[in-house]
N, C-alpha and C. Protein backbone atom coordinates (compact mmCIF):
# COMPACT_ATOMS: atom_id res chain seq x y z
N UNK A 1 27.03 18.80 15.46
CA UNK A 1 26.65 17.66 16.25
C UNK A 1 26.92 17.98 17.72
N UNK A 2 25.99 17.73 18.56
CA UNK A 2 26.12 17.98 20.00
C UNK A 2 26.82 16.80 20.66
N UNK A 3 27.58 17.14 21.72
CA UNK A 3 28.26 16.11 22.49
C UNK A 3 27.63 16.04 23.87
N UNK A 4 27.34 14.85 24.30
CA UNK A 4 26.75 14.65 25.63
C UNK A 4 27.90 14.53 26.63
N UNK A 5 27.92 15.43 27.63
CA UNK A 5 28.99 15.45 28.63
C UNK A 5 28.38 15.13 29.99
N UNK A 6 29.01 14.19 30.71
CA UNK A 6 28.45 13.76 31.98
C UNK A 6 29.16 14.34 33.20
N UNK A 7 30.33 14.96 33.03
CA UNK A 7 31.04 15.49 34.20
C UNK A 7 31.50 16.93 33.94
N UNK A 8 31.89 17.62 35.00
CA UNK A 8 32.26 19.03 34.92
C UNK A 8 33.58 19.25 34.18
N UNK A 9 34.52 18.35 34.33
CA UNK A 9 35.81 18.53 33.65
C UNK A 9 35.65 18.37 32.14
N UNK A 10 34.80 17.46 31.71
CA UNK A 10 34.51 17.31 30.29
C UNK A 10 33.78 18.52 29.74
N UNK A 11 32.91 19.08 30.56
CA UNK A 11 32.18 20.28 30.15
C UNK A 11 33.13 21.47 29.99
N UNK A 12 34.07 21.61 30.91
CA UNK A 12 35.06 22.69 30.83
C UNK A 12 35.96 22.50 29.61
N UNK A 13 36.35 21.26 29.36
CA UNK A 13 37.19 20.97 28.20
C UNK A 13 36.46 21.32 26.91
N UNK A 14 35.17 21.02 26.84
CA UNK A 14 34.38 21.34 25.66
C UNK A 14 34.28 22.86 25.46
N UNK A 15 34.13 23.63 26.53
CA UNK A 15 34.08 25.10 26.43
C UNK A 15 35.42 25.64 25.94
N UNK A 16 36.51 25.08 26.45
CA UNK A 16 37.85 25.51 26.02
C UNK A 16 38.05 25.20 24.54
N UNK A 17 37.58 24.04 24.09
CA UNK A 17 37.69 23.69 22.67
C UNK A 17 36.90 24.67 21.80
N UNK A 18 35.69 25.02 22.26
CA UNK A 18 34.86 25.97 21.50
C UNK A 18 35.53 27.35 21.43
N UNK A 19 36.10 27.78 22.56
CA UNK A 19 36.78 29.09 22.57
C UNK A 19 38.01 29.05 21.67
N UNK A 20 38.78 27.97 21.73
CA UNK A 20 39.96 27.83 20.88
C UNK A 20 39.57 27.83 19.40
N UNK A 21 38.51 27.13 19.06
CA UNK A 21 38.04 27.11 17.68
C UNK A 21 37.61 28.51 17.23
N UNK A 22 36.93 29.25 18.10
CA UNK A 22 36.50 30.61 17.76
C UNK A 22 37.70 31.53 17.55
N UNK A 23 38.73 31.37 18.38
CA UNK A 23 39.95 32.18 18.21
C UNK A 23 40.63 31.84 16.89
N UNK A 24 40.65 30.57 16.51
CA UNK A 24 41.24 30.17 15.23
C UNK A 24 40.49 30.80 14.06
N UNK A 25 39.17 30.75 14.10
CA UNK A 25 38.36 31.33 13.03
C UNK A 25 38.59 32.84 12.95
N UNK A 26 38.63 33.50 14.10
CA UNK A 26 38.88 34.93 14.14
C UNK A 26 40.28 35.26 13.61
N UNK A 27 41.25 34.47 13.99
CA UNK A 27 42.63 34.69 13.52
C UNK A 27 42.74 34.56 12.02
N UNK A 28 42.12 33.54 11.44
CA UNK A 28 42.15 33.36 9.99
C UNK A 28 41.37 34.48 9.31
N UNK A 29 40.27 34.88 9.91
CA UNK A 29 39.47 35.96 9.34
C UNK A 29 40.20 37.29 9.33
N UNK A 30 41.11 37.52 10.26
CA UNK A 30 41.91 38.74 10.27
C UNK A 30 43.20 38.58 9.48
N UNK A 31 43.74 37.37 9.42
CA UNK A 31 45.01 37.11 8.73
C UNK A 31 44.88 37.27 7.23
N UNK A 32 43.82 36.76 6.64
CA UNK A 32 43.66 36.81 5.18
C UNK A 32 43.57 38.25 4.67
N UNK A 33 42.74 39.13 5.23
CA UNK A 33 42.74 40.52 4.75
C UNK A 33 44.07 41.23 5.00
N UNK A 34 44.71 40.94 6.15
CA UNK A 34 46.01 41.55 6.43
C UNK A 34 47.02 41.15 5.38
N UNK A 35 47.09 39.88 5.02
CA UNK A 35 48.04 39.43 4.01
C UNK A 35 47.70 40.01 2.64
N UNK A 36 46.43 40.20 2.34
CA UNK A 36 46.05 40.80 1.07
C UNK A 36 46.58 42.23 0.99
N UNK A 37 46.31 43.03 2.01
CA UNK A 37 46.78 44.42 1.99
C UNK A 37 48.29 44.51 2.06
N UNK A 38 48.92 43.63 2.83
CA UNK A 38 50.37 43.61 2.88
C UNK A 38 50.96 43.22 1.52
N UNK A 39 50.34 42.28 0.86
CA UNK A 39 50.84 41.83 -0.44
C UNK A 39 50.73 42.88 -1.52
N UNK A 40 49.63 43.64 -1.54
CA UNK A 40 49.49 44.63 -2.60
C UNK A 40 50.28 45.89 -2.30
N UNK A 41 50.68 46.10 -1.07
CA UNK A 41 51.44 47.31 -0.75
C UNK A 41 52.92 47.04 -0.54
N UNK A 42 53.37 45.81 -0.58
CA UNK A 42 54.76 45.47 -0.26
C UNK A 42 55.73 46.00 -1.32
N UNK A 43 55.45 45.80 -2.59
CA UNK A 43 56.38 46.18 -3.66
C UNK A 43 55.99 47.46 -4.37
N UNK A 44 55.30 48.35 -3.70
CA UNK A 44 54.98 49.62 -4.33
C UNK A 44 56.26 50.41 -4.55
N UNK A 45 56.35 51.13 -5.68
CA UNK A 45 57.57 51.90 -5.91
C UNK A 45 57.74 53.00 -4.88
N UNK A 46 58.96 53.20 -4.49
CA UNK A 46 59.26 54.24 -3.51
C UNK A 46 59.25 55.60 -4.20
N UNK A 47 58.88 56.62 -3.45
CA UNK A 47 58.90 57.97 -4.01
C UNK A 47 60.34 58.42 -4.16
N UNK A 48 60.59 59.17 -5.20
CA UNK A 48 61.93 59.70 -5.42
C UNK A 48 62.18 60.84 -4.44
N UNK A 49 63.28 60.74 -3.71
CA UNK A 49 63.53 61.70 -2.65
C UNK A 49 63.99 63.05 -3.18
N UNK A 50 64.81 63.03 -4.21
CA UNK A 50 65.37 64.27 -4.72
C UNK A 50 64.90 64.48 -6.15
N UNK A 51 64.50 65.70 -6.45
CA UNK A 51 64.04 65.99 -7.80
C UNK A 51 65.18 65.98 -8.80
N UNK A 52 66.41 66.09 -8.32
CA UNK A 52 67.56 66.07 -9.23
C UNK A 52 67.75 64.70 -9.87
N UNK A 53 67.16 63.66 -9.28
CA UNK A 53 67.28 62.31 -9.84
C UNK A 53 66.35 62.09 -11.02
N UNK A 54 65.37 62.97 -11.19
CA UNK A 54 64.42 62.82 -12.28
C UNK A 54 64.98 63.52 -13.51
N UNK A 55 65.01 62.78 -14.61
CA UNK A 55 65.51 63.36 -15.85
C UNK A 55 64.33 63.58 -16.80
N UNK A 56 64.26 64.77 -17.33
CA UNK A 56 63.23 65.07 -18.32
C UNK A 56 63.90 65.52 -19.60
N UNK A 57 63.40 65.03 -20.70
CA UNK A 57 63.94 65.38 -22.01
C UNK A 57 62.85 66.03 -22.84
N UNK A 58 63.26 66.98 -23.66
CA UNK A 58 62.32 67.61 -24.56
C UNK A 58 62.05 66.65 -25.71
N UNK A 59 60.80 66.43 -26.06
CA UNK A 59 60.51 65.49 -27.15
C UNK A 59 61.03 66.02 -28.48
N UNK A 60 61.36 65.08 -29.34
CA UNK A 60 61.86 65.46 -30.67
C UNK A 60 60.77 66.20 -31.43
N UNK A 61 61.19 67.21 -32.18
CA UNK A 61 60.22 68.01 -32.92
C UNK A 61 59.83 67.30 -34.22
N UNK A 62 58.56 67.26 -34.49
CA UNK A 62 58.04 66.60 -35.68
C UNK A 62 57.92 67.63 -36.80
N UNK A 63 58.40 67.25 -37.96
CA UNK A 63 58.31 68.14 -39.12
C UNK A 63 56.97 67.88 -39.80
N UNK A 64 56.12 68.91 -39.90
CA UNK A 64 54.78 68.76 -40.43
C UNK A 64 54.66 69.24 -41.88
N UNK A 65 55.73 69.65 -42.50
CA UNK A 65 55.65 70.25 -43.84
C UNK A 65 55.23 69.25 -44.91
N UNK A 66 55.76 68.04 -44.87
CA UNK A 66 55.51 67.06 -45.94
C UNK A 66 54.47 66.01 -45.55
N UNK A 67 53.78 66.21 -44.47
CA UNK A 67 52.79 65.23 -44.02
C UNK A 67 51.46 65.51 -44.71
N UNK A 68 50.96 64.48 -45.41
CA UNK A 68 49.68 64.62 -46.10
C UNK A 68 48.79 63.43 -45.76
N UNK A 69 47.50 63.64 -45.88
CA UNK A 69 46.52 62.59 -45.64
C UNK A 69 45.63 62.51 -46.85
N UNK A 70 45.43 61.29 -47.38
CA UNK A 70 44.58 61.09 -48.54
C UNK A 70 43.25 60.52 -48.04
N UNK A 71 42.21 61.36 -48.03
CA UNK A 71 40.90 60.93 -47.55
C UNK A 71 40.10 60.19 -48.62
N UNK A 72 40.54 60.20 -49.86
CA UNK A 72 39.80 59.59 -50.94
C UNK A 72 40.12 58.11 -51.08
N UNK A 73 41.32 57.70 -50.74
CA UNK A 73 41.76 56.31 -50.92
C UNK A 73 40.92 55.39 -50.03
N UNK A 74 40.44 54.30 -50.60
CA UNK A 74 39.61 53.33 -49.90
C UNK A 74 40.51 52.32 -49.19
N UNK A 75 40.29 52.10 -47.92
CA UNK A 75 41.05 51.11 -47.16
C UNK A 75 40.21 49.85 -47.03
N UNK A 76 40.78 48.72 -47.42
CA UNK A 76 40.03 47.46 -47.36
C UNK A 76 39.97 46.97 -45.91
N UNK A 77 39.04 46.06 -45.67
CA UNK A 77 38.89 45.43 -44.36
C UNK A 77 39.72 44.15 -44.27
N UNK A 78 40.88 44.19 -44.83
CA UNK A 78 41.72 43.01 -44.94
C UNK A 78 42.16 42.52 -43.55
N UNK A 79 42.48 43.41 -42.65
CA UNK A 79 43.02 43.00 -41.35
C UNK A 79 41.96 42.89 -40.26
N UNK A 80 40.71 43.02 -40.59
CA UNK A 80 39.69 42.98 -39.54
C UNK A 80 39.08 41.62 -39.40
């Protein structure tokens, strides 16, 4: 909606309001993406500084001697 302004001070005030509104829109437009990237990167795990802090274990060995598979047995669709 247009505003009819009859004097110069009202015209200047209207320009200031338009500029202020544009700055607000620009600020919100930059603030939302900044907060998104800040939010997803804030709690990222830190890299381990020393390799001595990392513990690695050898997995347990699986005994394959007594493991058998019966391909003939029919499995029902009971759980599907």
